């Protein structure tokens, strides 16, 4: 009986490549996670006029530009993290393709 168990284990060891783990397809980052670039504030028409804008409108536009710049900095950090996830997905896709090729060659 012990001889049969050893023989069965030896045969199972010979079948190792056929029992290889299946390739796992990668999962892309969700499209909802893609950050949205902030919108540039609309430029007041008076900026292009010869006399310029009244003080309050110029200050309001300047404040809007400052807020936009702050949002852009935050966006760059979030976008960088999203790009890293996309690059990881690309690498995982390549690894998956290579795994499938190896599985076909065995």
PDB file of N, CA and C in Angstrom:
ATOM      1  N   UNK A   1       0.823  -1.186   0.000  1.00  0.00           N
ATOM      2  CA  UNK A   1       0.000   0.000   0.000  1.00  0.00           C
ATOM      3  C   UNK A   1       0.867   1.250   0.000  1.00  0.00           C
ATOM      4  N   UNK A   2       1.928   1.240   0.799  1.00  0.00           N
ATOM      5  CA  UNK A   2       2.833   2.383   0.838  1.00  0.00           C
ATOM      6  C   UNK A   2       3.513   2.560  -0.500  1.00  0.00           C
ATOM      7  N   UNK A   3       3.784   1.465  -1.182  1.00  0.00           N
ATOM      8  CA  UNK A   3       4.411   1.529  -2.507  1.00  0.00           C
ATOM      9  C   UNK A   3       3.501   2.214  -3.516  1.00  0.00           C
ATOM     10  N   UNK A   4       2.199   1.964  -3.420  1.00  0.00           N
ATOM     11  CA  UNK A   4       1.243   2.603  -4.329  1.00  0.00           C
ATOM     12  C   UNK A   4       1.189   4.106  -4.099  1.00  0.00           C
ATOM     13  N   UNK A   5       1.248   4.528  -2.859  1.00  0.00           N
ATOM     14  CA  UNK A   5       1.205   5.960  -2.532  1.00  0.00           C
ATOM     15  C   UNK A   5       2.442   6.656  -3.082  1.00  0.00           C
ATOM     16  N   UNK A   6       3.603   6.031  -2.908  1.00  0.00           N
ATOM     17  CA  UNK A   6       4.846   6.615  -3.408  1.00  0.00           C
ATOM     18  C   UNK A   6       4.810   6.686  -4.929  1.00  0.00           C
ATOM     19  N   UNK A   7       4.302   5.637  -5.582  1.00  0.00           N
ATOM     20  CA  UNK A   7       4.197   5.640  -7.037  1.00  0.00           C
ATOM     21  C   UNK A   7       3.256   6.738  -7.501  1.00  0.00           C
ATOM     22  N   UNK A   8       2.148   6.913  -6.831  1.00  0.00           N
ATOM     23  CA  UNK A   8       1.181   7.953  -7.191  1.00  0.00           C
ATOM     24  C   UNK A   8       1.796   9.338  -7.031  1.00  0.00           C
ATOM     25  N   UNK A   9       2.540   9.551  -5.945  1.00  0.00           N
ATOM     26  CA  UNK A   9       3.196  10.837  -5.729  1.00  0.00           C
ATOM     27  C   UNK A   9       4.268  11.091  -6.783  1.00  0.00           C
ATOM     28  N   UNK A  10       5.001  10.067  -7.165  1.00  0.00           N
ATOM     29  CA  UNK A  10       6.034  10.218  -8.191  1.00  0.00           C
ATOM     30  C   UNK A  10       5.402  10.578  -9.533  1.00  0.00           C
ATOM     31  N   UNK A  11       4.292   9.933  -9.874  1.00  0.00           N
ATOM     32  CA  UNK A  11       3.612  10.247 -11.122  1.00  0.00           C
ATOM     33  C   UNK A  11       3.034  11.658 -11.098  1.00  0.00           C
ATOM     34  N   UNK A  12       2.538  12.081  -9.958  1.00  0.00           N
ATOM     35  CA  UNK A  12       2.011  13.435  -9.833  1.00  0.00           C
ATOM     36  C   UNK A  12       3.131  14.446 -10.014  1.00  0.00           C
ATOM     37  N   UNK A  13       4.315  14.131  -9.533  1.00  0.00           N
ATOM     38  CA  UNK A  13       5.455  15.019  -9.702  1.00  0.00           C
ATOM     39  C   UNK A  13       5.863  15.149 -11.151  1.00  0.00           C
ATOM     40  N   UNK A  14       5.711  14.083 -11.924  1.00  0.00           N
ATOM     41  CA  UNK A  14       6.043  14.134 -13.338  1.00  0.00           C
ATOM     42  C   UNK A  14       5.042  14.977 -14.118  1.00  0.00           C
ATOM     43  N   UNK A  15       3.841  15.090 -13.611  1.00  0.00           N
ATOM     44  CA  UNK A  15       2.806  15.857 -14.298  1.00  0.00           C
ATOM     45  C   UNK A  15       2.820  17.322 -13.879  1.00  0.00           C
ATOM     46  N   UNK A  16       3.867  17.777 -13.238  1.00  0.00           N
ATOM     47  CA  UNK A  16       3.961  19.147 -12.728  1.00  0.00           C
ATOM     48  C   UNK A  16       3.625  20.234 -13.728  1.00  0.00           C
ATOM     49  N   UNK A  17       4.252  20.300 -14.922  1.00  0.00           N
ATOM     50  CA  UNK A  17       3.960  21.381 -15.857  1.00  0.00           C
ATOM     51  C   UNK A  17       2.500  21.418 -16.287  1.00  0.00           C
ATOM     52  N   UNK A  18       1.857  20.266 -16.372  1.00  0.00           N
ATOM     53  CA  UNK A  18       0.456  20.242 -16.785  1.00  0.00           C
ATOM     54  C   UNK A  18      -0.445  20.819 -15.697  1.00  0.00           C
ATOM     55  N   UNK A  19       0.049  20.807 -14.468  1.00  0.00           N
ATOM     56  CA  UNK A  19      -0.749  21.315 -13.356  1.00  0.00           C
ATOM     57  C   UNK A  19      -0.370  22.742 -12.989  1.00  0.00           C
ATOM     58  N   UNK A  20       0.352  23.443 -13.863  1.00  0.00           N
ATOM     59  CA  UNK A  20       0.784  24.812 -13.578  1.00  0.00           C
ATOM     60  C   UNK A  20      -0.443  25.701 -13.360  1.00  0.00           C
ATOM     61  N   UNK A  21      -0.247  26.705 -12.518  1.00  0.00           N
ATOM     62  CA  UNK A  21      -1.345  27.636 -12.214  1.00  0.00           C
ATOM     63  C   UNK A  21      -1.739  28.396 -13.477  1.00  0.00           C
ATOM     64  N   UNK A  22      -3.028  28.634 -13.653  1.00  0.00           N
ATOM     65  CA  UNK A  22      -3.461  29.371 -14.843  1.00  0.00           C
ATOM     66  C   UNK A  22      -3.020  30.836 -14.761  1.00  0.00           C
ATOM     67  N   UNK A  23      -2.867  31.442 -15.918  1.00  0.00           N
ATOM     68  CA  UNK A  23      -2.486  32.852 -15.975  1.00  0.00           C
ATOM     69  C   UNK A  23      -3.672  33.698 -15.518  1.00  0.00           C
ATOM     70  N   UNK A  24      -3.375  34.704 -14.740  1.00  0.00           N
ATOM     71  CA  UNK A  24      -4.433  35.575 -14.223  1.00  0.00           C
ATOM     72  C   UNK A  24      -4.458  36.876 -15.009  1.00  0.00           C
ATOM     73  N   UNK A  25      -5.565  37.172 -15.694  1.00  0.00           N
ATOM     74  CA  UNK A  25      -5.622  38.425 -16.453  1.00  0.00           C
ATOM     75  C   UNK A  25      -5.613  39.636 -15.502  1.00  0.00           C
ATOM     76  N   UNK A  26      -4.934  40.708 -15.907  1.00  0.00           N
ATOM     77  CA  UNK A  26      -4.871  41.895 -15.053  1.00  0.00           C
ATOM     78  C   UNK A  26      -6.186  42.670 -15.073  1.00  0.00           C
ATOM     79  N   UNK A  27      -6.371  43.466 -14.056  1.00  0.00           N
ATOM     80  CA  UNK A  27      -7.560  44.308 -13.968  1.00  0.00           C
ATOM     81  C   UNK A  27      -7.133  45.764 -14.121  1.00  0.00           C
ATOM     82  N   UNK A  28      -7.718  46.477 -15.081  1.00  0.00           N
ATOM     83  CA  UNK A  28      -7.328  47.881 -15.252  1.00  0.00           C
ATOM     84  C   UNK A  28      -7.867  48.742 -14.116  1.00  0.00           C
ATOM     85  N   UNK A  29      -7.245  49.884 -13.891  1.00  0.00           N
ATOM     86  CA  UNK A  29      -7.815  50.788 -12.891  1.00  0.00           C
ATOM     87  C   UNK A  29      -9.199  51.251 -13.375  1.00  0.00           C
ATOM     88  N   UNK A  30     -10.116  51.457 -12.476  1.00  0.00           N
ATOM     89  CA  UNK A  30     -11.463  51.854 -12.914  1.00  0.00           C
ATOM     90  C   UNK A  30     -11.451  53.215 -13.611  1.00  0.00           C
ATOM     91  N   UNK A  31     -12.243  53.344 -14.656  1.00  0.00           N
ATOM     92  CA  UNK A  31     -12.312  54.601 -15.405  1.00  0.00           C
ATOM     93  C   UNK A  31     -12.802  55.749 -14.519  1.00  0.00           C
ATOM     94  N   UNK A  32     -13.598  55.408 -13.523  1.00  0.00           N
ATOM     95  CA  UNK A  32     -14.113  56.443 -12.613  1.00  0.00           C
ATOM     96  C   UNK A  32     -12.991  57.068 -11.785  1.00  0.00           C
ATOM     97  N   UNK A  33     -11.869  56.363 -11.673  1.00  0.00           N
ATOM     98  CA  UNK A  33     -10.742  56.868 -10.871  1.00  0.00           C
ATOM     99  C   UNK A  33      -9.899  57.870 -11.652  1.00  0.00           C
ATOM    100  N   UNK A  34     -10.166  58.006 -12.952  1.00  0.00           N
ATOM    101  CA  UNK A  34      -9.390  58.943 -13.766  1.00  0.00           C
ATOM    102  C   UNK A  34      -9.687  60.364 -13.298  1.00  0.00           C
ATOM    103  N   UNK A  35      -8.646  61.087 -12.879  1.00  0.00           N
ATOM    104  CA  UNK A  35      -8.894  62.440 -12.373  1.00  0.00           C
ATOM    105  C   UNK A  35      -9.261  63.400 -13.500  1.00  0.00           C
ATOM    106  N   UNK A  36     -10.044  64.391 -13.158  1.00  0.00           N
ATOM    107  CA  UNK A  36     -10.477  65.386 -14.138  1.00  0.00           C
ATOM    108  C   UNK A  36      -9.671  66.664 -13.929  1.00  0.00           C
ATOM    109  N   UNK A  37      -9.112  67.151 -15.016  1.00  0.00           N
ATOM    110  CA  UNK A  37      -8.299  68.358 -14.957  1.00  0.00           C
ATOM    111  C   UNK A  37      -9.187  69.552 -14.611  1.00  0.00           C
ATOM    112  N   UNK A  38      -8.716  70.423 -13.723  1.00  0.00           N
ATOM    113  CA  UNK A  38      -9.532  71.591 -13.381  1.00  0.00           C
ATOM    114  C   UNK A  38      -9.687  72.520 -14.592  1.00  0.00           C
ATOM    115  N   UNK A  39     -10.802  73.224 -14.634  1.00  0.00           N
ATOM    116  CA  UNK A  39     -11.067  74.140 -15.745  1.00  0.00           C
ATOM    117  C   UNK A  39     -10.449  75.500 -15.444  1.00  0.00           C
ATOM    118  N   UNK A  40      -9.849  76.052 -16.468  1.00  0.00           N
ATOM    119  CA  UNK A  40      -9.273  77.386 -16.365  1.00  0.00           C
ATOM    120  C   UNK A  40     -10.412  78.389 -16.226  1.00  0.00           C
ATOM    121  N   UNK A  41     -10.290  79.326 -15.293  1.00  0.00           N
ATOM    122  CA  UNK A  41     -11.367  80.311 -15.136  1.00  0.00           C
ATOM    123  C   UNK A  41     -11.548  81.125 -16.420  1.00  0.00           C
ATOM    124  N   UNK A  42     -12.781  81.486 -16.660  1.00  0.00           N
ATOM    125  CA  UNK A  42     -13.072  82.280 -17.851  1.00  0.00           C
ATOM    126  C   UNK A  42     -12.494  83.675 -17.688  1.00  0.00           C
ATOM    127  N   UNK A  43     -11.804  84.100 -18.712  1.00  0.00           N
ATOM    128  CA  UNK A  43     -11.154  85.404 -18.695  1.00  0.00           C
ATOM    129  C   UNK A  43     -12.206  86.481 -18.948  1.00  0.00           C
ATOM    130  N   UNK A  44     -12.271  87.503 -18.103  1.00  0.00           N
ATOM    131  CA  UNK A  44     -13.246  88.576 -18.333  1.00  0.00           C
ATOM    132  C   UNK A  44     -12.927  89.331 -19.627  1.00  0.00           C
ATOM    133  N   UNK A  45     -13.953  89.702 -20.339  1.00  0.00           N
ATOM    134  CA  UNK A  45     -13.785  90.410 -21.615  1.00  0.00           C
ATOM    135  C   UNK A  45     -13.061  91.741 -21.418  1.00  0.00           C
ATOM    136  N   UNK A  46     -13.224  92.336 -20.253  1.00  0.00           N
ATOM    137  CA  UNK A  46     -12.622  93.647 -20.018  1.00  0.00           C
ATOM    138  C   UNK A  46     -11.083  93.600 -19.991  1.00  0.00           C
ATOM    139  N   UNK A  47     -10.497  92.429 -19.822  1.00  0.00           N
ATOM    140  CA  UNK A  47      -9.038  92.337 -19.797  1.00  0.00           C
ATOM    141  C   UNK A  47      -8.424  92.703 -21.144  1.00  0.00           C
ATOM    142  N   UNK A  48      -9.177  92.462 -22.211  1.00  0.00           N
ATOM    143  CA  UNK A  48      -8.671  92.757 -23.548  1.00  0.00           C
ATOM    144  C   UNK A  48      -8.946  94.195 -23.981  1.00  0.00           C
ATOM    145  N   UNK A  49      -9.707  94.934 -23.209  1.00  0.00           N
ATOM    146  CA  UNK A  49     -10.043  96.316 -23.566  1.00  0.00           C
ATOM    147  C   UNK A  49      -8.889  97.244 -23.208  1.00  0.00           C
ATOM    148  N   UNK A  50      -8.882  98.356 -23.825  1.00  0.00           N
ATOM    149  CA  UNK A  50      -7.818  99.344 -23.632  1.00  0.00           C
ATOM    150  C   UNK A  50      -7.747  99.828 -22.183  1.00  0.00           C
ATOM    151  N   UNK A  51      -8.883 100.077 -21.575  1.00  0.00           N
ATOM    152  CA  UNK A  51      -8.925 100.596 -20.207  1.00  0.00           C
ATOM    153  C   UNK A  51      -8.799  99.502 -19.149  1.00  0.00           C
ATOM    154  N   UNK A  52      -8.912  98.237 -19.545  1.00  0.00           N
ATOM    155  CA  UNK A  52      -8.811  97.136 -18.600  1.00  0.00           C
ATOM    156  C   UNK A  52     -10.076  96.921 -17.807  1.00  0.00           C
ATOM    157  N   UNK A  53      -9.956  96.206 -16.724  1.00  0.00           N
ATOM    158  CA  UNK A  53     -11.100  95.857 -15.882  1.00  0.00           C
ATOM    159  C   UNK A  53     -11.170  96.775 -14.669  1.00  0.00           C
ATOM    160  N   UNK A  54     -12.387  96.915 -14.135  1.00  0.00           N
ATOM    161  CA  UNK A  54     -12.493  97.606 -12.853  1.00  0.00           C
ATOM    162  C   UNK A  54     -11.785  96.776 -11.774  1.00  0.00           C
ATOM    163  N   UNK A  55     -11.361  97.437 -10.724  1.00  0.00           N
ATOM    164  CA  UNK A  55     -10.583  96.764  -9.685  1.00  0.00           C
ATOM    165  C   UNK A  55     -11.191  95.488  -9.173  1.00  0.00           C
ATOM    166  N   UNK A  56     -12.485  95.492  -8.839  1.00  0.00           N
ATOM    167  CA  UNK A  56     -13.112  94.309  -8.249  1.00  0.00           C
ATOM    168  C   UNK A  56     -13.079  93.129  -9.205  1.00  0.00           C
ATOM    169  N   UNK A  57     -13.262  93.379 -10.517  1.00  0.00           N
ATOM    170  CA  UNK A  57     -13.283  92.286 -11.486  1.00  0.00           C
ATOM    171  C   UNK A  57     -11.876  91.719 -11.694  1.00  0.00           C
ATOM    172  N   UNK A  58     -10.900  92.589 -11.708  1.00  0.00           N
ATOM    173  CA  UNK A  58      -9.511  92.138 -11.842  1.00  0.00           C
ATOM    174  C   UNK A  58      -9.106  91.310 -10.623  1.00  0.00           C
ATOM    175  N   UNK A  59      -9.482  91.768  -9.436  1.00  0.00           N
ATOM    176  CA  UNK A  59      -9.153  91.012  -8.216  1.00  0.00           C
ATOM    177  C   UNK A  59      -9.875  89.662  -8.182  1.00  0.00           C
ATOM    178  N   UNK A  60     -11.122  89.663  -8.624  1.00  0.00           N
ATOM    179  CA  UNK A  60     -11.882  88.403  -8.653  1.00  0.00           C
ATOM    180  C   UNK A  60     -11.231  87.404  -9.609  1.00  0.00           C
ATOM    181  N   UNK A  61     -10.816  87.896 -10.762  1.00  0.00           N
ATOM    182  CA  UNK A  61     -10.160  87.019 -11.734  1.00  0.00           C
ATOM    183  C   UNK A  61      -8.826  86.520 -11.179  1.00  0.00           C
ATOM    184  N   UNK A  62      -8.077  87.383 -10.546  1.00  0.00           N
ATOM    185  CA  UNK A  62      -6.801  86.995  -9.939  1.00  0.00           C
ATOM    186  C   UNK A  62      -7.014  85.921  -8.876  1.00  0.00           C
ATOM    187  N   UNK A  63      -8.045  86.074  -8.060  1.00  0.00           N
ATOM    188  CA  UNK A  63      -8.357  85.065  -7.040  1.00  0.00           C
ATOM    189  C   UNK A  63      -8.734  83.725  -7.688  1.00  0.00           C
ATOM    190  N   UNK A  64      -9.487  83.813  -8.787  1.00  0.00           N
ATOM    191  CA  UNK A  64      -9.892  82.588  -9.489  1.00  0.00           C
ATOM    192  C   UNK A  64      -8.661  81.885 -10.078  1.00  0.00           C
ATOM    193  N   UNK A  65      -7.706  82.644 -10.583  1.00  0.00           N
ATOM    194  CA  UNK A  65      -6.476  82.066 -11.129  1.00  0.00           C
ATOM    195  C   UNK A  65      -5.655  81.417 -10.011  1.00  0.00           C
ATOM    196  N   UNK A  66      -5.589  82.053  -8.860  1.00  0.00           N
ATOM    197  CA  UNK A  66      -4.861  81.462  -7.719  1.00  0.00           C
ATOM    198  C   UNK A  66      -5.500  80.139  -7.305  1.00  0.00           C
ATOM    199  N   UNK A  67      -6.817  80.104  -7.253  1.00  0.00           N
ATOM    200  CA  UNK A  67      -7.524  78.869  -6.892  1.00  0.00           C
ATOM    201  C   UNK A  67      -7.268  77.798  -7.954  1.00  0.00           C
ATOM    202  N   UNK A  68      -7.288  78.190  -9.214  1.00  0.00           N
ATOM    203  CA  UNK A  68      -7.015  77.253 -10.314  1.00  0.00           C
ATOM    204  C   UNK A  68      -5.611  76.663 -10.174  1.00  0.00           C
ATOM    205  N   UNK A  69      -4.633  77.505  -9.873  1.00  0.00           N
ATOM    206  CA  UNK A  69      -3.257  77.029  -9.714  1.00  0.00           C
ATOM    207  C   UNK A  69      -3.146  76.014  -8.574  1.00  0.00           C
ATOM    208  N   UNK A  70      -3.846  76.260  -7.480  1.00  0.00           N
ATOM    209  CA  UNK A  70      -3.838  75.320  -6.353  1.00  0.00           C
ATOM    210  C   UNK A  70      -4.492  73.991  -6.763  1.00  0.00           C
ATOM    211  N   UNK A  71      -5.595  74.075  -7.494  1.00  0.00           N
ATOM    212  CA  UNK A  71      -6.279  72.869  -7.959  1.00  0.00           C
ATOM    213  C   UNK A  71      -5.403  72.093  -8.942  1.00  0.00           C
ATOM    214  N   UNK A  72      -4.652  72.817  -9.762  1.00  0.00           N
ATOM    215  CA  UNK A  72      -3.777  72.171 -10.738  1.00  0.00           C
ATOM    216  C   UNK A  72      -2.666  71.400 -10.045  1.00  0.00           C
ATOM    217  N   UNK A  73      -2.105  71.969  -8.978  1.00  0.00           N
ATOM    218  CA  UNK A  73      -1.066  71.259  -8.231  1.00  0.00           C
ATOM    219  C   UNK A  73      -1.616  69.970  -7.629  1.00  0.00           C
ATOM    220  N   UNK A  74      -2.805  70.051  -7.052  1.00  0.00           N
ATOM    221  CA  UNK A  74      -3.439  68.852  -6.480  1.00  0.00           C
ATOM    222  C   UNK A  74      -3.729  67.830  -7.584  1.00  0.00           C
ATOM    223  N   UNK A  75      -4.178  68.315  -8.730  1.00  0.00           N
ATOM    224  CA  UNK A  75      -4.473  67.434  -9.856  1.00  0.00           C
ATOM    225  C   UNK A  75      -3.218  66.689 -10.307  1.00  0.00           C
ATOM    226  N   UNK A  76      -2.086  67.371 -10.342  1.00  0.00           N
ATOM    227  CA  UNK A  76      -0.845  66.736 -10.793  1.00  0.00           C
ATOM    228  C   UNK A  76      -0.467  65.566  -9.891  1.00  0.00           C
ATOM    229  N   UNK A  77      -0.662  65.700  -8.587  1.00  0.00           N
ATOM    230  CA  UNK A  77      -0.363  64.593  -7.675  1.00  0.00           C
ATOM    231  C   UNK A  77      -1.305  63.421  -7.910  1.00  0.00           C
ATOM    232  N   UNK A  78      -2.579  63.716  -8.037  1.00  0.00           N
ATOM    233  CA  UNK A  78      -3.576  62.665  -8.252  1.00  0.00           C
ATOM    234  C   UNK A  78      -3.371  62.007  -9.620  1.00  0.00           C
ATOM    235  N   UNK A  79      -3.076  62.814 -10.631  1.00  0.00           N
ATOM    236  CA  UNK A  79      -2.854  62.278 -11.973  1.00  0.00           C
ATOM    237  C   UNK A  79      -1.597  61.402 -11.993  1.00  0.00           C
ATOM    238  N   UNK A  80      -0.564  61.807 -11.265  1.00  0.00           N
ATOM    239  CA  UNK A  80       0.660  61.000 -11.188  1.00  0.00           C
ATOM    240  C   UNK A  80       0.385  59.632 -10.594  1.00  0.00           C
ATOM    241  N   UNK A  81      -0.440  59.584  -9.558  1.00  0.00           N
ATOM    242  CA  UNK A  81      -0.799  58.300  -8.940  1.00  0.00           C
ATOM    243  C   UNK A  81      -1.600  57.443  -9.918  1.00  0.00           C
ATOM    244  N   UNK A  82      -2.486  58.067 -10.674  1.00  0.00           N
ATOM    245  CA  UNK A  82      -3.288  57.334 -11.650  1.00  0.00           C
ATOM    246  C   UNK A  82      -2.401  56.789 -12.771  1.00  0.00           C
ATOM    247  N   UNK A  83      -1.435  57.578 -13.207  1.00  0.00           N
ATOM    248  CA  UNK A  83      -0.499  57.130 -14.248  1.00  0.00           C
ATOM    249  C   UNK A  83       0.305  55.930 -13.752  1.00  0.00           C
ATOM    250  N   UNK A  84       0.698  55.939 -12.482  1.00  0.00           N
ATOM    251  CA  UNK A  84       1.419  54.792 -11.920  1.00  0.00           C
ATOM    252  C   UNK A  84       0.555  53.532 -11.979  1.00  0.00           C
ATOM    253  N   UNK A  85      -0.735  53.678 -11.678  1.00  0.00           N
ATOM    254  CA  UNK A  85      -1.650  52.534 -11.753  1.00  0.00           C
ATOM    255  C   UNK A  85      -1.783  52.039 -13.193  1.00  0.00           C
ATOM    256  N   UNK A  86      -1.842  52.974 -14.142  1.00  0.00           N
ATOM    257  CA  UNK A  86      -1.928  52.585 -15.548  1.00  0.00           C
ATOM    258  C   UNK A  86      -0.656  51.862 -15.992  1.00  0.00           C
ATOM    259  N   UNK A  87       0.497  52.362 -15.577  1.00  0.00           N
ATOM    260  CA  UNK A  87       1.758  51.712 -15.934  1.00  0.00           C
ATOM    261  C   UNK A  87       1.856  50.318 -15.317  1.00  0.00           C
ATOM    262  N   UNK A  88       1.363  50.174 -14.099  1.00  0.00           N
ATOM    263  CA  UNK A  88       1.346  48.852 -13.459  1.00  0.00           C
ATOM    264  C   UNK A  88       0.433  47.908 -14.235  1.00  0.00           C
ATOM    265  N   UNK A  89      -0.671  48.424 -14.729  1.00  0.00           N
ATOM    266  CA  UNK A  89      -1.591  47.614 -15.530  1.00  0.00           C
ATOM    267  C   UNK A  89      -0.932  47.183 -16.839  1.00  0.00           C
ATOM    268  N   UNK A  90      -0.201  48.089 -17.464  1.00  0.00           N
ATOM    269  CA  UNK A  90       0.500  47.756 -18.704  1.00  0.00           C
ATOM    270  C   UNK A  90       1.515  46.644 -18.446  1.00  0.00           C
ATOM    271  N   UNK A  91       2.266  46.742 -17.359  1.00  0.00           N
ATOM    272  CA  UNK A  91       3.253  45.718 -17.022  1.00  0.00           C
ATOM    273  C   UNK A  91       2.560  44.389 -16.736  1.00  0.00           C
ATOM    274  N   UNK A  92       1.467  44.445 -15.972  1.00  0.00           N
ATOM    275  CA  UNK A  92       0.726  43.217 -15.657  1.00  0.00           C
ATOM    276  C   UNK A  92       0.144  42.593 -16.925  1.00  0.00           C
ATOM    277  N   UNK A  93      -0.263  43.417 -17.873  1.00  0.00           N
ATOM    278  CA  UNK A  93      -0.786  42.898 -19.144  1.00  0.00           C
ATOM    279  C   UNK A  93       0.308  42.181 -19.914  1.00  0.00           C
ATOM    280  N   UNK A  94       1.504  42.762 -19.907  1.00  0.00           N
ATOM    281  CA  UNK A  94       2.642  42.130 -20.580  1.00  0.00           C
ATOM    282  C   UNK A  94       2.991  40.801 -19.904  1.00  0.00           C
ATOM    283  N   UNK A  95       3.012  40.816 -18.581  1.00  0.00           N
ATOM    284  CA  UNK A  95       3.304  39.578 -17.832  1.00  0.00           C
ATOM    285  C   UNK A  95       2.256  38.502 -18.127  1.00  0.00           C
ATOM    286  N   UNK A  96       1.004  38.915 -18.217  1.00  0.00           N
ATOM    287  CA  UNK A  96      -0.080  37.984 -18.512  1.00  0.00           C
ATOM    288  C   UNK A  96       0.099  37.384 -19.910  1.00  0.00           C
ATOM    289  N   UNK A  97       0.415  38.233 -20.888  1.00  0.00           N
ATOM    290  CA  UNK A  97       0.624  37.742 -22.246  1.00  0.00           C
ATOM    291  C   UNK A  97       1.789  36.749 -22.304  1.00  0.00           C
ATOM    292  N   UNK A  98       2.858  37.049 -21.600  1.00  0.00           N
ATOM    293  CA  UNK A  98       3.991  36.147 -21.573  1.00  0.00           C
ATOM    294  C   UNK A  98       3.630  34.833 -20.909  1.00  0.00           C
ATOM    295  N   UNK A  99       2.840  34.884 -19.872  1.00  0.00           N
ATOM    296  CA  UNK A  99       2.381  33.664 -19.195  1.00  0.00           C
ATOM    297  C   UNK A  99       1.550  32.802 -20.154  1.00  0.00           C
ATOM    298  N   UNK A 100       0.667  33.433 -20.905  1.00  0.00           N
ATOM    299  CA  UNK A 100      -0.163  32.682 -21.862  1.00  0.00           C
ATOM    300  C   UNK A 100       0.699  32.048 -22.950  1.00  0.00           C
ATOM    301  N   UNK A 101       1.712  32.777 -23.424  1.00  0.00           N
ATOM    302  CA  UNK A 101       2.604  32.221 -24.456  1.00  0.00           C
ATOM    303  C   UNK A 101       3.332  31.006 -23.890  1.00  0.00           C
ATOM    304  N   UNK A 102       3.848  31.131 -22.665  1.00  0.00           N
ATOM    305  CA  UNK A 102       4.564  30.004 -22.050  1.00  0.00           C
ATOM    306  C   UNK A 102       3.629  28.813 -21.872  1.00  0.00           C
ATOM    307  N   UNK A 103       2.386  29.071 -21.500  1.00  0.00           N
ATOM    308  CA  UNK A 103       1.421  27.983 -21.310  1.00  0.00           C
ATOM    309  C   UNK A 103       1.161  27.260 -22.624  1.00  0.00           C
ATOM    310  N   UNK A 104       1.135  27.993 -23.715  1.00  0.00           N
ATOM    311  CA  UNK A 104       0.921  27.372 -25.024  1.00  0.00           C
ATOM    312  C   UNK A 104       2.124  26.564 -25.474  1.00  0.00           C
ATOM    313  N   UNK A 105       3.300  26.965 -25.037  1.00  0.00           N
ATOM    314  CA  UNK A 105       4.526  26.294 -25.458  1.00  0.00           C
ATOM    315  C   UNK A 105       4.802  25.021 -24.666  1.00  0.00           C
ATOM    316  N   UNK A 106       4.151  24.825 -23.554  1.00  0.00           N
ATOM    317  CA  UNK A 106       4.398  23.643 -22.716  1.00  0.00           C
ATOM    318  C   UNK A 106       3.646  22.449 -23.226  1.00  0.00           C
TER     319      UNK A 106
END
